[in-house]
PDB file of all heavy atoms in Angstrom:
ATOM      1  N   ALA A   1    -190.673 -74.909  -8.335  1.00  0.00           N
ATOM      2  CA  ALA A   1    -189.505 -74.171  -8.815  1.00  0.00           C
ATOM      3  C   ALA A   1    -188.238 -74.618  -8.092  1.00  0.00           C
ATOM      4  O   ALA A   1    -188.269 -75.032  -6.935  1.00  0.00           O
ATOM      5  CB  ALA A   1    -189.713 -72.676  -8.629  1.00  0.00           C
ATOM      6  N   ASP A   2    -187.122 -74.520  -8.791  1.00  0.00           N
ATOM      7  CA  ASP A   2    -185.800 -74.738  -8.205  1.00  0.00           C
ATOM      8  C   ASP A   2    -185.345 -73.395  -7.645  1.00  0.00           C
ATOM      9  O   ASP A   2    -185.039 -72.478  -8.402  1.00  0.00           O
ATOM     10  CB  ASP A   2    -184.838 -75.237  -9.287  1.00  0.00           C
ATOM     11  CG  ASP A   2    -183.395 -75.313  -8.813  1.00  0.00           C
ATOM     12  OD1 ASP A   2    -183.157 -75.347  -7.588  1.00  0.00           O
ATOM     13  OD2 ASP A   2    -182.494 -75.345  -9.686  1.00  0.00           O
ATOM     14  N   VAL A   3    -185.326 -73.252  -6.324  1.00  0.00           N
ATOM     15  CA  VAL A   3    -185.009 -71.975  -5.686  1.00  0.00           C
ATOM     16  C   VAL A   3    -183.587 -72.019  -5.135  1.00  0.00           C
ATOM     17  O   VAL A   3    -183.267 -72.846  -4.278  1.00  0.00           O
ATOM     18  CB  VAL A   3    -186.010 -71.637  -4.563  1.00  0.00           C
ATOM     19  CG1 VAL A   3    -185.634 -70.326  -3.888  1.00  0.00           C
ATOM     20  CG2 VAL A   3    -187.425 -71.548  -5.137  1.00  0.00           C
ATOM     21  N   ILE A   4    -182.747 -71.120  -5.637  1.00  0.00           N
ATOM     22  CA  ILE A   4    -181.363 -70.997  -5.196  1.00  0.00           C
ATOM     23  C   ILE A   4    -181.268 -69.801  -4.262  1.00  0.00           C
ATOM     24  O   ILE A   4    -181.462 -68.653  -4.680  1.00  0.00           O
ATOM     25  CB  ILE A   4    -180.418 -70.804  -6.399  1.00  0.00           C
ATOM     26  CG1 ILE A   4    -180.515 -71.999  -7.351  1.00  0.00           C
ATOM     27  CG2 ILE A   4    -178.978 -70.597  -5.928  1.00  0.00           C
ATOM     28  CD1 ILE A   4    -179.864 -71.755  -8.702  1.00  0.00           C
ATOM     29  N   LYS A   5    -181.005 -70.059  -2.997  1.00  0.00           N
ATOM     30  CA  LYS A   5    -180.911 -69.004  -1.995  1.00  0.00           C
ATOM     31  C   LYS A   5    -179.477 -68.498  -1.945  1.00  0.00           C
ATOM     32  O   LYS A   5    -178.552 -69.255  -1.623  1.00  0.00           O
ATOM     33  CB  LYS A   5    -181.341 -69.527  -0.626  1.00  0.00           C
ATOM     34  CG  LYS A   5    -181.347 -68.447   0.462  1.00  0.00           C
ATOM     35  CD  LYS A   5    -181.921 -68.997   1.760  1.00  0.00           C
ATOM     36  CE  LYS A   5    -181.926 -67.923   2.850  1.00  0.00           C
ATOM     37  NZ  LYS A   5    -182.794 -66.768   2.518  1.00  0.00           N
ATOM     38  N   VAL A   6    -179.298 -67.222  -2.266  1.00  0.00           N
ATOM     39  CA  VAL A   6    -177.973 -66.606  -2.249  1.00  0.00           C
ATOM     40  C   VAL A   6    -177.802 -65.894  -0.913  1.00  0.00           C
ATOM     41  O   VAL A   6    -178.570 -64.990  -0.579  1.00  0.00           O
ATOM     42  CB  VAL A   6    -177.800 -65.624  -3.424  1.00  0.00           C
ATOM     43  CG1 VAL A   6    -176.409 -64.997  -3.391  1.00  0.00           C
ATOM     44  CG2 VAL A   6    -178.040 -66.341  -4.752  1.00  0.00           C
ATOM     45  N   GLU A   7    -176.775 -66.304  -0.159  1.00  0.00           N
ATOM     46  CA  GLU A   7    -176.581 -65.771   1.191  1.00  0.00           C
ATOM     47  C   GLU A   7    -175.215 -65.103   1.324  1.00  0.00           C
ATOM     48  O   GLU A   7    -174.281 -65.391   0.574  1.00  0.00           O
ATOM     49  CB  GLU A   7    -176.687 -66.900   2.223  1.00  0.00           C
ATOM     50  CG  GLU A   7    -178.019 -67.640   2.177  1.00  0.00           C
ATOM     51  CD  GLU A   7    -178.161 -68.657   3.293  1.00  0.00           C
ATOM     52  OE1 GLU A   7    -178.236 -68.245   4.468  1.00  0.00           O
ATOM     53  OE2 GLU A   7    -178.196 -69.865   2.981  1.00  0.00           O
ATOM     54  N   SER A   8    -175.124 -64.230   2.303  1.00  0.00           N
ATOM     55  CA  SER A   8    -173.860 -63.581   2.626  1.00  0.00           C
ATOM     56  C   SER A   8    -172.920 -64.596   3.272  1.00  0.00           C
ATOM     57  O   SER A   8    -173.346 -65.701   3.648  1.00  0.00           O
ATOM     58  CB  SER A   8    -174.102 -62.420   3.586  1.00  0.00           C
ATOM     59  OG  SER A   8    -174.480 -62.928   4.857  1.00  0.00           O
ATOM     60  N   PRO A   9    -171.645 -64.244   3.467  1.00  0.00           N
ATOM     61  CA  PRO A   9    -170.733 -65.171   4.146  1.00  0.00           C
ATOM     62  C   PRO A   9    -171.211 -65.576   5.535  1.00  0.00           C
ATOM     63  O   PRO A   9    -170.933 -66.685   5.995  1.00  0.00           O
ATOM     64  CB  PRO A   9    -169.420 -64.376   4.220  1.00  0.00           C
ATOM     65  CG  PRO A   9    -169.475 -63.474   3.034  1.00  0.00           C
ATOM     66  CD  PRO A   9    -170.919 -63.077   2.915  1.00  0.00           C
ATOM     67  N   GLU A  10    -171.932 -64.679   6.212  1.00  0.00           N
ATOM     68  CA  GLU A  10    -172.458 -64.998   7.541  1.00  0.00           C
ATOM     69  C   GLU A  10    -173.774 -65.767   7.461  1.00  0.00           C
ATOM     70  O   GLU A  10    -174.261 -66.292   8.469  1.00  0.00           O
ATOM     71  CB  GLU A  10    -172.688 -63.715   8.348  1.00  0.00           C
ATOM     72  CG  GLU A  10    -171.438 -62.879   8.583  1.00  0.00           C
ATOM     73  CD  GLU A  10    -171.045 -62.059   7.352  1.00  0.00           C
ATOM     74  OE1 GLU A  10    -171.944 -61.757   6.512  1.00  0.00           O
ATOM     75  OE2 GLU A  10    -169.853 -61.759   7.213  1.00  0.00           O
ATOM     76  N   GLY A  11    -174.381 -65.795   6.301  1.00  0.00           N
ATOM     77  CA  GLY A  11    -175.671 -66.441   6.136  1.00  0.00           C
ATOM     78  C   GLY A  11    -176.813 -65.495   6.442  1.00  0.00           C
ATOM     79  O   GLY A  11    -176.640 -64.455   7.090  1.00  0.00           O
ATOM     80  N   ASP A  12    -177.987 -65.842   5.977  1.00  0.00           N
ATOM     81  CA  ASP A  12    -179.192 -65.094   6.331  1.00  0.00           C
ATOM     82  C   ASP A  12    -179.244 -64.986   7.851  1.00  0.00           C
ATOM     83  O   ASP A  12    -179.048 -65.969   8.575  1.00  0.00           O
ATOM     84  CB  ASP A  12    -180.422 -65.842   5.800  1.00  0.00           C
ATOM     85  CG  ASP A  12    -181.715 -65.047   5.909  1.00  0.00           C
ATOM     86  OD1 ASP A  12    -181.831 -64.221   6.832  1.00  0.00           O
ATOM     87  OD2 ASP A  12    -182.606 -65.267   5.073  1.00  0.00           O
ATOM     88  N   GLU A  13    -179.537 -63.797   8.358  1.00  0.00           N
ATOM     89  CA  GLU A  13    -179.508 -63.597   9.807  1.00  0.00           C
ATOM     90  C   GLU A  13    -180.496 -64.480  10.548  1.00  0.00           C
ATOM     91  O   GLU A  13    -180.350 -64.733  11.752  1.00  0.00           O
ATOM     92  CB  GLU A  13    -179.747 -62.137  10.162  1.00  0.00           C
ATOM     93  CG  GLU A  13    -181.092 -61.579   9.774  1.00  0.00           C
ATOM     94  CD  GLU A  13    -181.195 -60.088  10.084  1.00  0.00           C
ATOM     95  OE1 GLU A  13    -180.632 -59.285   9.321  1.00  0.00           O
ATOM     96  OE2 GLU A  13    -181.834 -59.756  11.092  1.00  0.00           O
ATOM     97  N   THR A  14    -181.494 -64.992   9.842  1.00  0.00           N
ATOM     98  CA  THR A  14    -182.453 -65.870  10.511  1.00  0.00           C
ATOM     99  C   THR A  14    -181.817 -67.182  10.945  1.00  0.00           C
ATOM    100  O   THR A  14    -182.393 -67.900  11.775  1.00  0.00           O
ATOM    101  CB  THR A  14    -183.654 -66.168   9.596  1.00  0.00           C
ATOM    102  OG1 THR A  14    -183.188 -66.737   8.368  1.00  0.00           O
ATOM    103  CG2 THR A  14    -184.431 -64.908   9.305  1.00  0.00           C
ATOM    104  N   ARG A  15    -180.653 -67.518  10.407  1.00  0.00           N
ATOM    105  CA  ARG A  15    -179.943 -68.707  10.877  1.00  0.00           C
ATOM    106  C   ARG A  15    -179.569 -68.578  12.357  1.00  0.00           C
ATOM    107  O   ARG A  15    -179.285 -69.575  13.023  1.00  0.00           O
ATOM    108  CB  ARG A  15    -178.697 -68.957  10.028  1.00  0.00           C
ATOM    109  CG  ARG A  15    -179.002 -69.420   8.605  1.00  0.00           C
ATOM    110  CD  ARG A  15    -177.740 -69.782   7.840  1.00  0.00           C
ATOM    111  NE  ARG A  15    -178.048 -70.260   6.494  1.00  0.00           N
ATOM    112  CZ  ARG A  15    -178.332 -71.530   6.188  1.00  0.00           C
ATOM    113  NH1 ARG A  15    -178.337 -72.439   7.145  1.00  0.00           N
ATOM    114  NH2 ARG A  15    -178.595 -71.877   4.947  1.00  0.00           N
ATOM    115  N   ARG A  16    -179.561 -67.350  12.848  1.00  0.00           N
ATOM    116  CA  ARG A  16    -179.207 -67.113  14.251  1.00  0.00           C
ATOM    117  C   ARG A  16    -180.423 -66.745  15.111  1.00  0.00           C
ATOM    118  O   ARG A  16    -180.277 -66.370  16.267  1.00  0.00           O
ATOM    119  CB  ARG A  16    -178.146 -65.998  14.322  1.00  0.00           C
ATOM    120  CG  ARG A  16    -176.849 -66.395  13.613  1.00  0.00           C
ATOM    121  CD  ARG A  16    -175.841 -65.271  13.548  1.00  0.00           C
ATOM    122  NE  ARG A  16    -176.222 -64.213  12.616  1.00  0.00           N
ATOM    123  CZ  ARG A  16    -176.077 -64.299  11.290  1.00  0.00           C
ATOM    124  NH1 ARG A  16    -175.573 -65.394  10.734  1.00  0.00           N
ATOM    125  NH2 ARG A  16    -176.430 -63.293  10.500  1.00  0.00           N
ATOM    126  N   TYR A  17    -181.622 -66.838  14.520  1.00  0.00           N
ATOM    127  CA  TYR A  17    -182.838 -66.499  15.256  1.00  0.00           C
ATOM    128  C   TYR A  17    -183.217 -67.620  16.235  1.00  0.00           C
ATOM    129  O   TYR A  17    -183.132 -68.816  15.915  1.00  0.00           O
ATOM    130  CB  TYR A  17    -184.006 -66.285  14.295  1.00  0.00           C
ATOM    131  CG  TYR A  17    -184.076 -64.912  13.656  1.00  0.00           C
ATOM    132  CD1 TYR A  17    -183.018 -64.013  13.721  1.00  0.00           C
ATOM    133  CD2 TYR A  17    -185.214 -64.519  12.958  1.00  0.00           C
ATOM    134  CE1 TYR A  17    -183.092 -62.766  13.126  1.00  0.00           C
ATOM    135  CE2 TYR A  17    -185.296 -63.267  12.349  1.00  0.00           C
ATOM    136  CZ  TYR A  17    -184.225 -62.401  12.443  1.00  0.00           C
ATOM    137  OH  TYR A  17    -184.298 -61.169  11.850  1.00  0.00           O
ATOM    138  N   LEU A  18    -183.677 -67.222  17.400  1.00  0.00           N
ATOM    139  CA  LEU A  18    -184.234 -68.162  18.357  1.00  0.00           C
ATOM    140  C   LEU A  18    -185.673 -68.503  17.975  1.00  0.00           C
ATOM    141  O   LEU A  18    -186.342 -67.703  17.322  1.00  0.00           O
ATOM    142  CB  LEU A  18    -184.208 -67.537  19.757  1.00  0.00           C
ATOM    143  CG  LEU A  18    -182.830 -67.186  20.327  1.00  0.00           C
ATOM    144  CD1 LEU A  18    -182.997 -66.436  21.644  1.00  0.00           C
ATOM    145  CD2 LEU A  18    -181.972 -68.422  20.507  1.00  0.00           C
ATOM    146  N   PRO A  19    -186.170 -69.689  18.389  1.00  0.00           N
ATOM    147  CA  PRO A  19    -185.436 -70.719  19.132  1.00  0.00           C
ATOM    148  C   PRO A  19    -184.697 -71.661  18.187  1.00  0.00           C
ATOM    149  O   PRO A  19    -185.041 -71.771  17.006  1.00  0.00           O
ATOM    150  CB  PRO A  19    -186.554 -71.458  19.863  1.00  0.00           C
ATOM    151  CG  PRO A  19    -187.715 -71.383  18.893  1.00  0.00           C
ATOM    152  CD  PRO A  19    -187.612 -70.033  18.241  1.00  0.00           C
ATOM    153  N   PHE A  20    -183.695 -72.354  18.739  1.00  0.00           N
ATOM    154  CA  PHE A  20    -183.010 -73.398  17.997  1.00  0.00           C
ATOM    155  C   PHE A  20    -183.709 -74.727  18.243  1.00  0.00           C
ATOM    156  O   PHE A  20    -184.303 -74.953  19.304  1.00  0.00           O
ATOM    157  CB  PHE A  20    -181.544 -73.493  18.424  1.00  0.00           C
ATOM    158  CG  PHE A  20    -180.747 -72.246  18.120  1.00  0.00           C
ATOM    159  CD1 PHE A  20    -180.054 -71.588  19.113  1.00  0.00           C
ATOM    160  CD2 PHE A  20    -180.704 -71.727  16.835  1.00  0.00           C
ATOM    161  CE1 PHE A  20    -179.332 -70.442  18.845  1.00  0.00           C
ATOM    162  CE2 PHE A  20    -179.988 -70.579  16.547  1.00  0.00           C
ATOM    163  CZ  PHE A  20    -179.298 -69.935  17.562  1.00  0.00           C
ATOM    164  N   ILE A  21    -183.642 -75.611  17.228  1.00  0.00           N
ATOM    165  CA  ILE A  21    -184.197 -76.945  17.403  1.00  0.00           C
ATOM    166  C   ILE A  21    -183.466 -77.625  18.558  1.00  0.00           C
ATOM    167  O   ILE A  21    -182.245 -77.557  18.648  1.00  0.00           O
ATOM    168  CB  ILE A  21    -184.051 -77.776  16.113  1.00  0.00           C
ATOM    169  CG1 ILE A  21    -184.724 -77.065  14.922  1.00  0.00           C
ATOM    170  CG2 ILE A  21    -184.653 -79.162  16.305  1.00  0.00           C
ATOM    171  CD1 ILE A  21    -186.201 -76.860  15.048  1.00  0.00           C
ATOM    172  N   GLU A  22    -184.227 -78.254  19.413  1.00  0.00           N
ATOM    173  CA  GLU A  22    -183.656 -78.833  20.631  1.00  0.00           C
ATOM    174  C   GLU A  22    -182.441 -79.710  20.323  1.00  0.00           C
ATOM    175  O   GLU A  22    -182.481 -80.578  19.451  1.00  0.00           O
ATOM    176  CB  GLU A  22    -184.717 -79.663  21.359  1.00  0.00           C
ATOM    177  CG  GLU A  22    -184.262 -80.212  22.695  1.00  0.00           C
ATOM    178  CD  GLU A  22    -185.364 -80.960  23.422  1.00  0.00           C
ATOM    179  OE1 GLU A  22    -186.488 -81.029  22.873  1.00  0.00           O
ATOM    180  OE2 GLU A  22    -185.102 -81.464  24.511  1.00  0.00           O
ATOM    181  N   GLY A  23    -181.355 -79.437  21.054  1.00  0.00           N
ATOM    182  CA  GLY A  23    -180.147 -80.239  20.906  1.00  0.00           C
ATOM    183  C   GLY A  23    -179.284 -79.858  19.732  1.00  0.00           C
ATOM    184  O   GLY A  23    -178.356 -80.588  19.369  1.00  0.00           O
ATOM    185  N   SER A  24    -179.568 -78.712  19.102  1.00  0.00           N
ATOM    186  CA  SER A  24    -178.787 -78.297  17.935  1.00  0.00           C
ATOM    187  C   SER A  24    -178.626 -76.787  17.948  1.00  0.00           C
ATOM    188  O   SER A  24    -179.156 -76.091  18.808  1.00  0.00           O
ATOM    189  CB  SER A  24    -179.485 -78.728  16.638  1.00  0.00           C
ATOM    190  OG  SER A  24    -180.590 -77.873  16.354  1.00  0.00           O
ATOM    191  N   ASP A  25    -177.865 -76.286  16.971  1.00  0.00           N
ATOM    192  CA  ASP A  25    -177.751 -74.836  16.783  1.00  0.00           C
ATOM    193  C   ASP A  25    -178.478 -74.409  15.515  1.00  0.00           C
ATOM    194  O   ASP A  25    -178.153 -73.397  14.906  1.00  0.00           O
ATOM    195  CB  ASP A  25    -176.279 -74.415  16.727  1.00  0.00           C
ATOM    196  CG  ASP A  25    -175.517 -75.063  15.573  1.00  0.00           C
ATOM    197  OD1 ASP A  25    -176.106 -75.921  14.878  1.00  0.00           O
ATOM    198  OD2 ASP A  25    -174.330 -74.733  15.389  1.00  0.00           O
ATOM    199  N   PHE A  26    -179.486 -75.195  15.120  1.00  0.00           N
ATOM    200  CA  PHE A  26    -180.227 -74.942  13.885  1.00  0.00           C
ATOM    201  C   PHE A  26    -181.527 -74.212  14.214  1.00  0.00           C
ATOM    202  O   PHE A  26    -182.328 -74.682  15.023  1.00  0.00           O
ATOM    203  CB  PHE A  26    -180.521 -76.263  13.169  1.00  0.00           C
ATOM    204  CG  PHE A  26    -180.775 -76.101  11.695  1.00  0.00           C
ATOM    205  CD1 PHE A  26    -179.726 -76.045  10.792  1.00  0.00           C
ATOM    206  CD2 PHE A  26    -182.064 -75.995  11.214  1.00  0.00           C
ATOM    207  CE1 PHE A  26    -179.959 -75.897   9.438  1.00  0.00           C
ATOM    208  CE2 PHE A  26    -182.309 -75.844   9.860  1.00  0.00           C
ATOM    209  CZ  PHE A  26    -181.246 -75.792   8.971  1.00  0.00           C
ATOM    210  N   SER A  27    -181.727 -73.063  13.589  1.00  0.00           N
ATOM    211  CA  SER A  27    -182.880 -72.225  13.883  1.00  0.00           C
ATOM    212  C   SER A  27    -184.179 -72.840  13.361  1.00  0.00           C
ATOM    213  O   SER A  27    -184.249 -73.293  12.213  1.00  0.00           O
ATOM    214  CB  SER A  27    -182.688 -70.842  13.259  1.00  0.00           C
ATOM    215  OG  SER A  27    -183.887 -70.094  13.286  1.00  0.00           O
ATOM    216  N   ALA A  28    -185.204 -72.811  14.203  1.00  0.00           N
ATOM    217  CA  ALA A  28    -186.526 -73.268  13.765  1.00  0.00           C
ATOM    218  C   ALA A  28    -187.033 -72.410  12.615  1.00  0.00           C
ATOM    219  O   ALA A  28    -187.730 -72.899  11.711  1.00  0.00           O
ATOM    220  CB  ALA A  28    -187.502 -73.218  14.943  1.00  0.00           C
ATOM    221  N   PHE A  29    -186.692 -71.139  12.622  1.00  0.00           N
ATOM    222  CA  PHE A  29    -187.105 -70.217  11.566  1.00  0.00           C
ATOM    223  C   PHE A  29    -186.539 -70.671  10.221  1.00  0.00           C
ATOM    224  O   PHE A  29    -187.257 -70.770   9.224  1.00  0.00           O
ATOM    225  CB  PHE A  29    -186.600 -68.816  11.911  1.00  0.00           C
ATOM    226  CG  PHE A  29    -187.254 -67.701  11.142  1.00  0.00           C
ATOM    227  CD1 PHE A  29    -188.160 -66.849  11.749  1.00  0.00           C
ATOM    228  CD2 PHE A  29    -186.952 -67.494   9.806  1.00  0.00           C
ATOM    229  CE1 PHE A  29    -188.760 -65.813  11.034  1.00  0.00           C
ATOM    230  CE2 PHE A  29    -187.533 -66.465   9.085  1.00  0.00           C
ATOM    231  CZ  PHE A  29    -188.447 -65.627   9.703  1.00  0.00           C
ATOM    232  N   THR A  30    -185.236 -70.952  10.193  1.00  0.00           N
ATOM    233  CA  THR A  30    -184.593 -71.401   8.952  1.00  0.00           C
ATOM    234  C   THR A  30    -185.180 -72.718   8.474  1.00  0.00           C
ATOM    235  O   THR A  30    -185.416 -72.913   7.275  1.00  0.00           O
ATOM    236  CB  THR A  30    -183.075 -71.538   9.167  1.00  0.00           C
ATOM    237  OG1 THR A  30    -182.513 -70.233   9.333  1.00  0.00           O
ATOM    238  CG2 THR A  30    -182.399 -72.209   7.983  1.00  0.00           C
ATOM    239  N   ALA A  31    -185.430 -73.624   9.402  1.00  0.00           N
ATOM    240  CA  ALA A  31    -185.988 -74.925   9.031  1.00  0.00           C
ATOM    241  C   ALA A  31    -187.324 -74.776   8.322  1.00  0.00           C
ATOM    242  O   ALA A  31    -187.610 -75.482   7.352  1.00  0.00           O
ATOM    243  CB  ALA A  31    -186.150 -75.789  10.287  1.00  0.00           C
ATOM    244  N   ALA A  32    -188.136 -73.823   8.784  1.00  0.00           N
ATOM    245  CA  ALA A  32    -189.481 -73.659   8.227  1.00  0.00           C
ATOM    246  C   ALA A  32    -189.482 -72.896   6.912  1.00  0.00           C
ATOM    247  O   ALA A  32    -190.177 -73.274   5.961  1.00  0.00           O
ATOM    248  CB  ALA A  32    -190.367 -72.938   9.245  1.00  0.00           C
ATOM    249  N   ILE A  33    -188.712 -71.803   6.833  1.00  0.00           N
ATOM    250  CA  ILE A  33    -188.828 -70.881   5.700  1.00  0.00           C
ATOM    251  C   ILE A  33    -187.935 -71.269   4.528  1.00  0.00           C
ATOM    252  O   ILE A  33    -188.215 -70.928   3.377  1.00  0.00           O
ATOM    253  CB  ILE A  33    -188.504 -69.438   6.159  1.00  0.00           C
ATOM    254  CG1 ILE A  33    -189.403 -69.038   7.329  1.00  0.00           C
ATOM    255  CG2 ILE A  33    -188.678 -68.451   5.011  1.00  0.00           C
ATOM    256  CD1 ILE A  33    -190.884 -69.128   7.036  1.00  0.00           C
ATOM    257  N   ASN A  34    -186.870 -72.013   4.793  1.00  0.00           N
ATOM    258  CA  ASN A  34    -185.900 -72.285   3.724  1.00  0.00           C
ATOM    259  C   ASN A  34    -185.807 -73.753   3.333  1.00  0.00           C
ATOM    260  O   ASN A  34    -184.850 -74.153   2.658  1.00  0.00           O
ATOM    261  CB  ASN A  34    -184.526 -71.747   4.139  1.00  0.00           C
ATOM    262  CG  ASN A  34    -184.534 -70.237   4.256  1.00  0.00           C
ATOM    263  OD1 ASN A  34    -184.940 -69.536   3.340  1.00  0.00           O
ATOM    264  ND2 ASN A  34    -184.129 -69.720   5.408  1.00  0.00           N
ATOM    265  N   ARG A  35    -186.801 -74.547   3.735  1.00  0.00           N
ATOM    266  CA  ARG A  35    -186.768 -75.948   3.352  1.00  0.00           C
ATOM    267  C   ARG A  35    -186.806 -76.091   1.830  1.00  0.00           C
ATOM    268  O   ARG A  35    -187.415 -75.282   1.124  1.00  0.00           O
ATOM    269  CB  ARG A  35    -187.927 -76.708   3.994  1.00  0.00           C
ATOM    270  CG  ARG A  35    -189.305 -76.177   3.645  1.00  0.00           C
ATOM    271  CD  ARG A  35    -190.403 -77.026   4.298  1.00  0.00           C
ATOM    272  NE  ARG A  35    -191.717 -76.414   4.148  1.00  0.00           N
ATOM    273  CZ  ARG A  35    -192.455 -76.477   3.053  1.00  0.00           C
ATOM    274  NH1 ARG A  35    -191.992 -77.133   1.993  1.00  0.00           N
ATOM    275  NH2 ARG A  35    -193.635 -75.895   3.008  1.00  0.00           N
ATOM    276  N   SER A  36    -186.119 -77.123   1.353  1.00  0.00           N
ATOM    277  CA  SER A  36    -186.153 -77.529  -0.057  1.00  0.00           C
ATOM    278  C   SER A  36    -185.438 -76.564  -1.012  1.00  0.00           C
ATOM    279  O   SER A  36    -185.493 -76.754  -2.224  1.00  0.00           O
ATOM    280  CB  SER A  36    -187.594 -77.737  -0.547  1.00  0.00           C
ATOM    281  OG  SER A  36    -188.233 -78.710   0.241  1.00  0.00           O
ATOM    282  N   LYS A  37    -184.782 -75.541  -0.467  1.00  0.00           N
ATOM    283  CA  LYS A  37    -184.018 -74.642  -1.324  1.00  0.00           C
ATOM    284  C   LYS A  37    -182.574 -75.124  -1.415  1.00  0.00           C
ATOM    285  O   LYS A  37    -182.122 -75.961  -0.626  1.00  0.00           O
ATOM    286  CB  LYS A  37    -184.043 -73.210  -0.770  1.00  0.00           C
ATOM    287  CG  LYS A  37    -185.433 -72.604  -0.669  1.00  0.00           C
ATOM    288  CD  LYS A  37    -185.395 -71.231  -0.015  1.00  0.00           C
ATOM    289  CE  LYS A  37    -186.790 -70.655   0.200  1.00  0.00           C
ATOM    290  NZ  LYS A  37    -186.755 -69.352   0.895  1.00  0.00           N
ATOM    291  N   ARG A  38    -181.835 -74.554  -2.372  1.00  0.00           N
ATOM    292  CA  ARG A  38    -180.387 -74.756  -2.426  1.00  0.00           C
ATOM    293  C   ARG A  38    -179.705 -73.468  -1.980  1.00  0.00           C
ATOM    294  O   ARG A  38    -180.245 -72.380  -2.171  1.00  0.00           O
ATOM    295  CB  ARG A  38    -179.948 -75.127  -3.837  1.00  0.00           C
ATOM    296  CG  ARG A  38    -180.511 -76.467  -4.302  1.00  0.00           C
ATOM    297  CD  ARG A  38    -179.812 -76.972  -5.548  1.00  0.00           C
ATOM    298  NE  ARG A  38    -180.212 -76.232  -6.748  1.00  0.00           N
ATOM    299  CZ  ARG A  38    -179.573 -76.317  -7.921  1.00  0.00           C
ATOM    300  NH1 ARG A  38    -178.474 -77.059  -8.033  1.00  0.00           N
ATOM    301  NH2 ARG A  38    -180.004 -75.641  -8.967  1.00  0.00           N
ATOM    302  N   SER A  39    -178.540 -73.590  -1.363  1.00  0.00           N
ATOM    303  CA  SER A  39    -177.849 -72.418  -0.826  1.00  0.00           C
ATOM    304  C   SER A  39    -176.474 -72.252  -1.439  1.00  0.00           C
ATOM    305  O   SER A  39    -175.710 -73.212  -1.573  1.00  0.00           O
ATOM    306  CB  SER A  39    -177.703 -72.539   0.701  1.00  0.00           C
ATOM    307  OG  SER A  39    -176.857 -71.521   1.216  1.00  0.00           O
ATOM    308  N   ILE A  40    -176.168 -71.008  -1.811  1.00  0.00           N
ATOM    309  CA  ILE A  40    -174.821 -70.611  -2.198  1.00  0.00           C
ATOM    310  C   ILE A  40    -174.477 -69.359  -1.404  1.00  0.00           C
ATOM    311  O   ILE A  40    -175.319 -68.469  -1.236  1.00  0.00           O
ATOM    312  CB  ILE A  40    -174.695 -70.363  -3.714  1.00  0.00           C
ATOM    313  CG1 ILE A  40    -173.267 -69.938  -4.068  1.00  0.00           C
ATOM    314  CG2 ILE A  40    -175.705 -69.354  -4.229  1.00  0.00           C
ATOM    315  CD1 ILE A  40    -173.003 -69.885  -5.571  1.00  0.00           C
TER     316      ILE A  40
END
């Protein structure tokens, strides 16, 4: 399926969940749960 993730202006709060991928501010949670989706 083509999944379009609709987020608030701040983004899904999981974007701020620890831990972040080493050397970045990108949440491991977001990387795992939201891969291959599109975001608006």
